[in-house]
C-alpha atoms as a PDB file:
ATOM      1  CA  UNK A   1     101.302 107.895 118.335  1.00  0.00           C
ATOM      2  CA  UNK A   2     101.474 108.673 121.977  1.00  0.00           C
ATOM      3  CA  UNK A   3     101.349 112.599 122.923  1.00  0.00           C
ATOM      4  CA  UNK A   4     103.387 111.464 125.992  1.00  0.00           C
ATOM      5  CA  UNK A   5     105.481 108.698 127.762  1.00  0.00           C
ATOM      6  CA  UNK A   6     102.215 107.126 129.530  1.00  0.00           C
ATOM      7  CA  UNK A   7     100.105 105.673 127.157  1.00  0.00           C
ATOM      8  CA  UNK A   8      96.415 106.722 126.765  1.00  0.00           C
ATOM      9  CA  UNK A   9      95.578 102.844 128.011  1.00  0.00           C
ATOM     10  CA  UNK A  10      97.554 102.859 130.933  1.00  0.00           C
ATOM     11  CA  UNK A  11      96.356 105.913 131.984  1.00  0.00           C
ATOM     12  CA  UNK A  12      92.672 105.189 131.605  1.00  0.00           C
ATOM     13  CA  UNK A  13      93.447 101.739 133.399  1.00  0.00           C
ATOM     14  CA  UNK A  14      94.534 103.638 136.170  1.00  0.00           C
ATOM     15  CA  UNK A  15      91.621 106.098 136.906  1.00  0.00           C
ATOM     16  CA  UNK A  16      89.790 103.099 136.799  1.00  0.00           C
ATOM     17  CA  UNK A  17      91.758 101.623 139.885  1.00  0.00           C
ATOM     18  CA  UNK A  18      91.846 104.675 141.690  1.00  0.00           C
ATOM     19  CA  UNK A  19      87.898 105.551 141.067  1.00  0.00           C
ATOM     20  CA  UNK A  20      88.840 109.765 139.928  1.00  0.00           C
ATOM     21  CA  UNK A  21      88.407 111.446 137.094  1.00  0.00           C
ATOM     22  CA  UNK A  22      91.797 111.959 135.131  1.00  0.00           C
ATOM     23  CA  UNK A  23      93.171 115.511 134.866  1.00  0.00           C
ATOM     24  CA  UNK A  24      94.803 115.038 131.572  1.00  0.00           C
ATOM     25  CA  UNK A  25      91.254 114.440 129.397  1.00  0.00           C
ATOM     26  CA  UNK A  26      92.304 112.850 126.060  1.00  0.00           C
ATOM     27  CA  UNK A  27      90.756 115.245 123.512  1.00  0.00           C
ATOM     28  CA  UNK A  28      92.712 114.376 120.374  1.00  0.00           C
ATOM     29  CA  UNK A  29      96.288 112.897 119.977  1.00  0.00           C
ATOM     30  CA  UNK A  30      98.932 112.532 116.999  1.00  0.00           C
ATOM     31  CA  UNK A  31      97.787 111.239 114.040  1.00  0.00           C
ATOM     32  CA  UNK A  32      99.425 109.248 111.207  1.00  0.00           C
ATOM     33  CA  UNK A  33      98.336 107.367 108.157  1.00  0.00           C
ATOM     34  CA  UNK A  34     100.895 105.121 106.084  1.00  0.00           C
ATOM     35  CA  UNK A  35     100.948 103.895 102.400  1.00  0.00           C
ATOM     36  CA  UNK A  36     103.475 101.273 103.063  1.00  0.00           C
ATOM     37  CA  UNK A  37     105.070  98.154 100.835  1.00  0.00           C
ATOM     38  CA  UNK A  38     103.802  95.045 101.723  1.00  0.00           C
ATOM     39  CA  UNK A  39     107.531  93.221 100.239  1.00  0.00           C
ATOM     40  CA  UNK A  40     109.738  95.732 101.778  1.00  0.00           C
ATOM     41  CA  UNK A  41     107.910  97.167 104.499  1.00  0.00           C
ATOM     42  CA  UNK A  42     108.727 100.547 103.066  1.00  0.00           C
ATOM     43  CA  UNK A  43     106.756 103.677 103.767  1.00  0.00           C
ATOM     44  CA  UNK A  44     106.202 105.245 100.307  1.00  0.00           C
ATOM     45  CA  UNK A  45     103.856 108.084 101.541  1.00  0.00           C
ATOM     46  CA  UNK A  46     102.436 109.487 105.150  1.00  0.00           C
ATOM     47  CA  UNK A  47     100.142 111.578 106.430  1.00  0.00           C
ATOM     48  CA  UNK A  48     100.146 113.613 109.368  1.00  0.00           C
ATOM     49  CA  UNK A  49      97.497 114.724 111.657  1.00  0.00           C
ATOM     50  CA  UNK A  50      95.613 115.277 114.849  1.00  0.00           C
ATOM     51  CA  UNK A  51      92.842 112.894 115.720  1.00  0.00           C
ATOM     52  CA  UNK A  52      90.175 111.856 116.068  1.00  0.00           C
ATOM     53  CA  UNK A  53      89.259 112.084 112.694  1.00  0.00           C
ATOM     54  CA  UNK A  54      87.820 110.013 109.757  1.00  0.00           C
ATOM     55  CA  UNK A  55      90.800 108.392 107.469  1.00  0.00           C
ATOM     56  CA  UNK A  56      88.927 108.520 104.028  1.00  0.00           C
ATOM     57  CA  UNK A  57      90.335 112.380 103.569  1.00  0.00           C
ATOM     58  CA  UNK A  58      94.091 110.899 103.351  1.00  0.00           C
ATOM     59  CA  UNK A  59      93.285 108.161 100.669  1.00  0.00           C
ATOM     60  CA  UNK A  60      94.279 110.776  97.206  1.00  0.00           C
ATOM     61  CA  UNK A  61      96.538 112.410  99.049  1.00  0.00           C
ATOM     62  CA  UNK A  62      98.738 108.954  99.678  1.00  0.00           C
ATOM     63  CA  UNK A  63      97.933 107.758  96.804  1.00  0.00           C
ATOM     64  CA  UNK A  64      99.202 110.770  94.347  1.00  0.00           C
ATOM     65  CA  UNK A  65     102.553 110.643  96.385  1.00  0.00           C
ATOM     66  CA  UNK A  66     103.015 107.501  96.318  1.00  0.00           C
ATOM     67  CA  UNK A  67     102.144 106.883  92.755  1.00  0.00           C
ATOM     68  CA  UNK A  68     104.673 109.250  91.879  1.00  0.00           C
ATOM     69  CA  UNK A  69     107.417 107.145  93.076  1.00  0.00           C
ATOM     70  CA  UNK A  70     106.115 103.354  92.092  1.00  0.00           C
ATOM     71  CA  UNK A  71     103.558 101.807  89.874  1.00  0.00           C
ATOM     72  CA  UNK A  72     101.087 100.653  92.494  1.00  0.00           C
ATOM     73  CA  UNK A  73      99.015  97.430  91.222  1.00  0.00           C
ATOM     74  CA  UNK A  74      96.881  96.513  93.734  1.00  0.00           C
ATOM     75  CA  UNK A  75      95.939  98.529  96.864  1.00  0.00           C
ATOM     76  CA  UNK A  76      94.441  97.338 100.262  1.00  0.00           C
ATOM     77  CA  UNK A  77      92.687  99.558 102.504  1.00  0.00           C
ATOM     78  CA  UNK A  78      91.774 100.015 105.606  1.00  0.00           C
ATOM     79  CA  UNK A  79      87.361  99.916 106.227  1.00  0.00           C
ATOM     80  CA  UNK A  80      88.041 103.563 106.683  1.00  0.00           C
ATOM     81  CA  UNK A  81      88.980 104.281 103.117  1.00  0.00           C
ATOM     82  CA  UNK A  82      85.638 102.478 101.920  1.00  0.00           C
ATOM     83  CA  UNK A  83      83.922 104.842  99.142  1.00  0.00           C
ATOM     84  CA  UNK A  84      82.943 104.082  95.686  1.00  0.00           C
ATOM     85  CA  UNK A  85      84.345 107.217  94.656  1.00  0.00           C
ATOM     86  CA  UNK A  86      88.095 105.853  95.816  1.00  0.00           C
ATOM     87  CA  UNK A  87      87.618 102.774  94.019  1.00  0.00           C
ATOM     88  CA  UNK A  88      87.004 104.495  90.569  1.00  0.00           C
ATOM     89  CA  UNK A  89      89.558 107.133  91.357  1.00  0.00           C
ATOM     90  CA  UNK A  90      92.046 104.667  91.981  1.00  0.00           C
ATOM     91  CA  UNK A  91      91.636 102.681  89.011  1.00  0.00           C
ATOM     92  CA  UNK A  92      90.984 105.835  86.185  1.00  0.00           C
ATOM     93  CA  UNK A  93      93.593 107.986  87.790  1.00  0.00           C
ATOM     94  CA  UNK A  94      96.287 105.450  88.668  1.00  0.00           C
ATOM     95  CA  UNK A  95      95.273 101.847  87.061  1.00  0.00           C
ATOM     96  CA  UNK A  96      95.288 100.608  90.769  1.00  0.00           C
ATOM     97  CA  UNK A  97      92.977  97.978  91.717  1.00  0.00           C
ATOM     98  CA  UNK A  98      91.389  98.776  95.285  1.00  0.00           C
ATOM     99  CA  UNK A  99      90.999  95.942  97.555  1.00  0.00           C
ATOM    100  CA  UNK A 100      88.755  97.681 101.012  1.00  0.00           C
ATOM    101  CA  UNK A 101      85.988  95.856 102.806  1.00  0.00           C
ATOM    102  CA  UNK A 102      82.429  97.078 101.958  1.00  0.00           C
ATOM    103  CA  UNK A 103      81.290  98.317 105.325  1.00  0.00           C
ATOM    104  CA  UNK A 104      77.887  99.526 105.453  1.00  0.00           C
ATOM    105  CA  UNK A 105      77.924 101.213 108.425  1.00  0.00           C
ATOM    106  CA  UNK A 106      74.417  99.501 109.784  1.00  0.00           C
ATOM    107  CA  UNK A 107      73.375  96.092 109.335  1.00  0.00           C
ATOM    108  CA  UNK A 108      71.501  95.522 106.127  1.00  0.00           C
ATOM    109  CA  UNK A 109      70.402  93.467 103.438  1.00  0.00           C
ATOM    110  CA  UNK A 110      70.484  95.970 100.829  1.00  0.00           C
ATOM    111  CA  UNK A 111      73.051  95.385  97.905  1.00  0.00           C
ATOM    112  CA  UNK A 112      75.655  98.400  97.696  1.00  0.00           C
ATOM    113  CA  UNK A 113      75.063 101.304  95.200  1.00  0.00           C
ATOM    114  CA  UNK A 114      78.324 101.429  93.853  1.00  0.00           C
ATOM    115  CA  UNK A 115      79.508  99.057  91.261  1.00  0.00           C
ATOM    116  CA  UNK A 116      82.724  98.536  92.827  1.00  0.00           C
ATOM    117  CA  UNK A 117      81.771  97.807  96.303  1.00  0.00           C
ATOM    118  CA  UNK A 118      79.086  95.821  95.637  1.00  0.00           C
ATOM    119  CA  UNK A 119      81.610  93.749  93.540  1.00  0.00           C
ATOM    120  CA  UNK A 120      84.284  93.643  96.722  1.00  0.00           C
ATOM    121  CA  UNK A 121      80.864  92.575  98.950  1.00  0.00           C
ATOM    122  CA  UNK A 122      79.723  89.752  96.618  1.00  0.00           C
ATOM    123  CA  UNK A 123      83.421  88.549  95.861  1.00  0.00           C
ATOM    124  CA  UNK A 124      84.544  89.150  98.609  1.00  0.00           C
ATOM    125  CA  UNK A 125      86.422  85.317  99.397  1.00  0.00           C
ATOM    126  CA  UNK A 126      87.890  85.746  96.109  1.00  0.00           C
ATOM    127  CA  UNK A 127      89.893  89.172  97.623  1.00  0.00           C
ATOM    128  CA  UNK A 128      90.195  87.920 101.033  1.00  0.00           C
ATOM    129  CA  UNK A 129      93.793  86.248 100.770  1.00  0.00           C
ATOM    130  CA  UNK A 130      94.851  89.684  98.937  1.00  0.00           C
ATOM    131  CA  UNK A 131      93.611  91.286 101.360  1.00  0.00           C
ATOM    132  CA  UNK A 132      94.901  89.424 104.310  1.00  0.00           C
ATOM    133  CA  UNK A 133      98.493  90.919 103.685  1.00  0.00           C
ATOM    134  CA  UNK A 134      96.954  94.499 104.652  1.00  0.00           C
ATOM    135  CA  UNK A 135      98.366  93.567 108.183  1.00  0.00           C
ATOM    136  CA  UNK A 136     101.667  94.114 106.627  1.00  0.00           C
ATOM    137  CA  UNK A 137     100.757  98.038 107.715  1.00  0.00           C
ATOM    138  CA  UNK A 138     100.415  97.052 111.355  1.00  0.00           C
ATOM    139  CA  UNK A 139     103.815  95.495 111.183  1.00  0.00           C
ATOM    140  CA  UNK A 140     105.366  98.493 110.241  1.00  0.00           C
ATOM    141  CA  UNK A 141     103.435 100.423 112.792  1.00  0.00           C
ATOM    142  CA  UNK A 142     104.745  98.051 115.379  1.00  0.00           C
ATOM    143  CA  UNK A 143     108.100  98.398 114.248  1.00  0.00           C
ATOM    144  CA  UNK A 144     108.028 102.148 114.051  1.00  0.00           C
ATOM    145  CA  UNK A 145     106.789 102.140 117.771  1.00  0.00           C
ATOM    146  CA  UNK A 146     109.317  99.654 119.314  1.00  0.00           C
ATOM    147  CA  UNK A 147     112.434 100.255 117.028  1.00  0.00           C
ATOM    148  CA  UNK A 148     112.104 104.390 117.915  1.00  0.00           C
ATOM    149  CA  UNK A 149     109.508 104.400 120.622  1.00  0.00           C
ATOM    150  CA  UNK A 150     105.970 105.889 120.438  1.00  0.00           C
ATOM    151  CA  UNK A 151     105.923 108.513 123.030  1.00  0.00           C
ATOM    152  CA  UNK A 152     106.346 112.282 121.122  1.00  0.00           C
ATOM    153  CA  UNK A 153     108.939 114.597 122.316  1.00  0.00           C
ATOM    154  CA  UNK A 154     107.732 117.841 120.810  1.00  0.00           C
ATOM    155  CA  UNK A 155     104.646 119.523 122.582  1.00  0.00           C
ATOM    156  CA  UNK A 156     103.122 121.580 119.337  1.00  0.00           C
ATOM    157  CA  UNK A 157     101.239 120.041 116.561  1.00  0.00           C
ATOM    158  CA  UNK A 158     103.291 121.004 113.756  1.00  0.00           C
ATOM    159  CA  UNK A 159     106.683 119.816 115.480  1.00  0.00           C
ATOM    160  CA  UNK A 160     104.592 116.624 116.185  1.00  0.00           C
ATOM    161  CA  UNK A 161     103.720 116.020 112.591  1.00  0.00           C
ATOM    162  CA  UNK A 162     107.602 116.647 111.778  1.00  0.00           C
ATOM    163  CA  UNK A 163     108.975 114.080 114.548  1.00  0.00           C
ATOM    164  CA  UNK A 164     106.239 111.284 113.164  1.00  0.00           C
ATOM    165  CA  UNK A 165     107.574 112.280 109.393  1.00  0.00           C
ATOM    166  CA  UNK A 166     111.271 112.116 110.624  1.00  0.00           C
ATOM    167  CA  UNK A 167     110.890 108.867 112.574  1.00  0.00           C
ATOM    168  CA  UNK A 168     108.892 107.473 109.846  1.00  0.00           C
ATOM    169  CA  UNK A 169     112.211 108.409 107.531  1.00  0.00           C
ATOM    170  CA  UNK A 170     114.559 107.075 110.024  1.00  0.00           C
ATOM    171  CA  UNK A 171     112.611 103.426 110.129  1.00  0.00           C
ATOM    172  CA  UNK A 172     112.985 103.919 105.964  1.00  0.00           C
ATOM    173  CA  UNK A 173     116.708 104.300 106.270  1.00  0.00           C
ATOM    174  CA  UNK A 174     116.963 101.305 108.964  1.00  0.00           C
ATOM    175  CA  UNK A 175     115.075  99.116 106.601  1.00  0.00           C
ATOM    176  CA  UNK A 176     117.249 100.085 104.082  1.00  0.00           C
ATOM    177  CA  UNK A 177     120.109  99.449 105.900  1.00  0.00           C
ATOM    178  CA  UNK A 178     119.164  95.724 107.299  1.00  0.00           C
ATOM    179  CA  UNK A 179     118.534  94.880 103.649  1.00  0.00           C
ATOM    180  CA  UNK A 180     122.171  95.837 102.508  1.00  0.00           C
END
């Protein structure tokens, strides 16, 4: 989401062409983490925050909230959620198979220490087809920005968080309405 009507990319390109510094340097931005259903594109859970910050802290709250409403057999997670404790927690707490690409950070030939992360790396070709549906969450992001706009009108952080949550609720209602 954008905190104003001109995108960060546009402001950066404009400054590069003018060869001068931006008066409005971008140190933080509104951040939206989603857990979506791949078939219906409905958002089951969301977390709003201020970025930049790592994604891993959203994994458990998103999963807990969504699991209250539906059983999640398989979760396709972004590489930002890659951690052994997330795989273990999803399986033990919710009976969910988490498919998250194992990333080492730095290039290495050492095997991963955790059982689940090692299995993700070794059997990635088997999981690749299922993980290919993770782009559906990017479709939801695109739908949100295309149909409801990416520029937030709110100025304060908590107001932006409320606005992002209301936009996701509105998008869910639009999806349900279109299905009827």
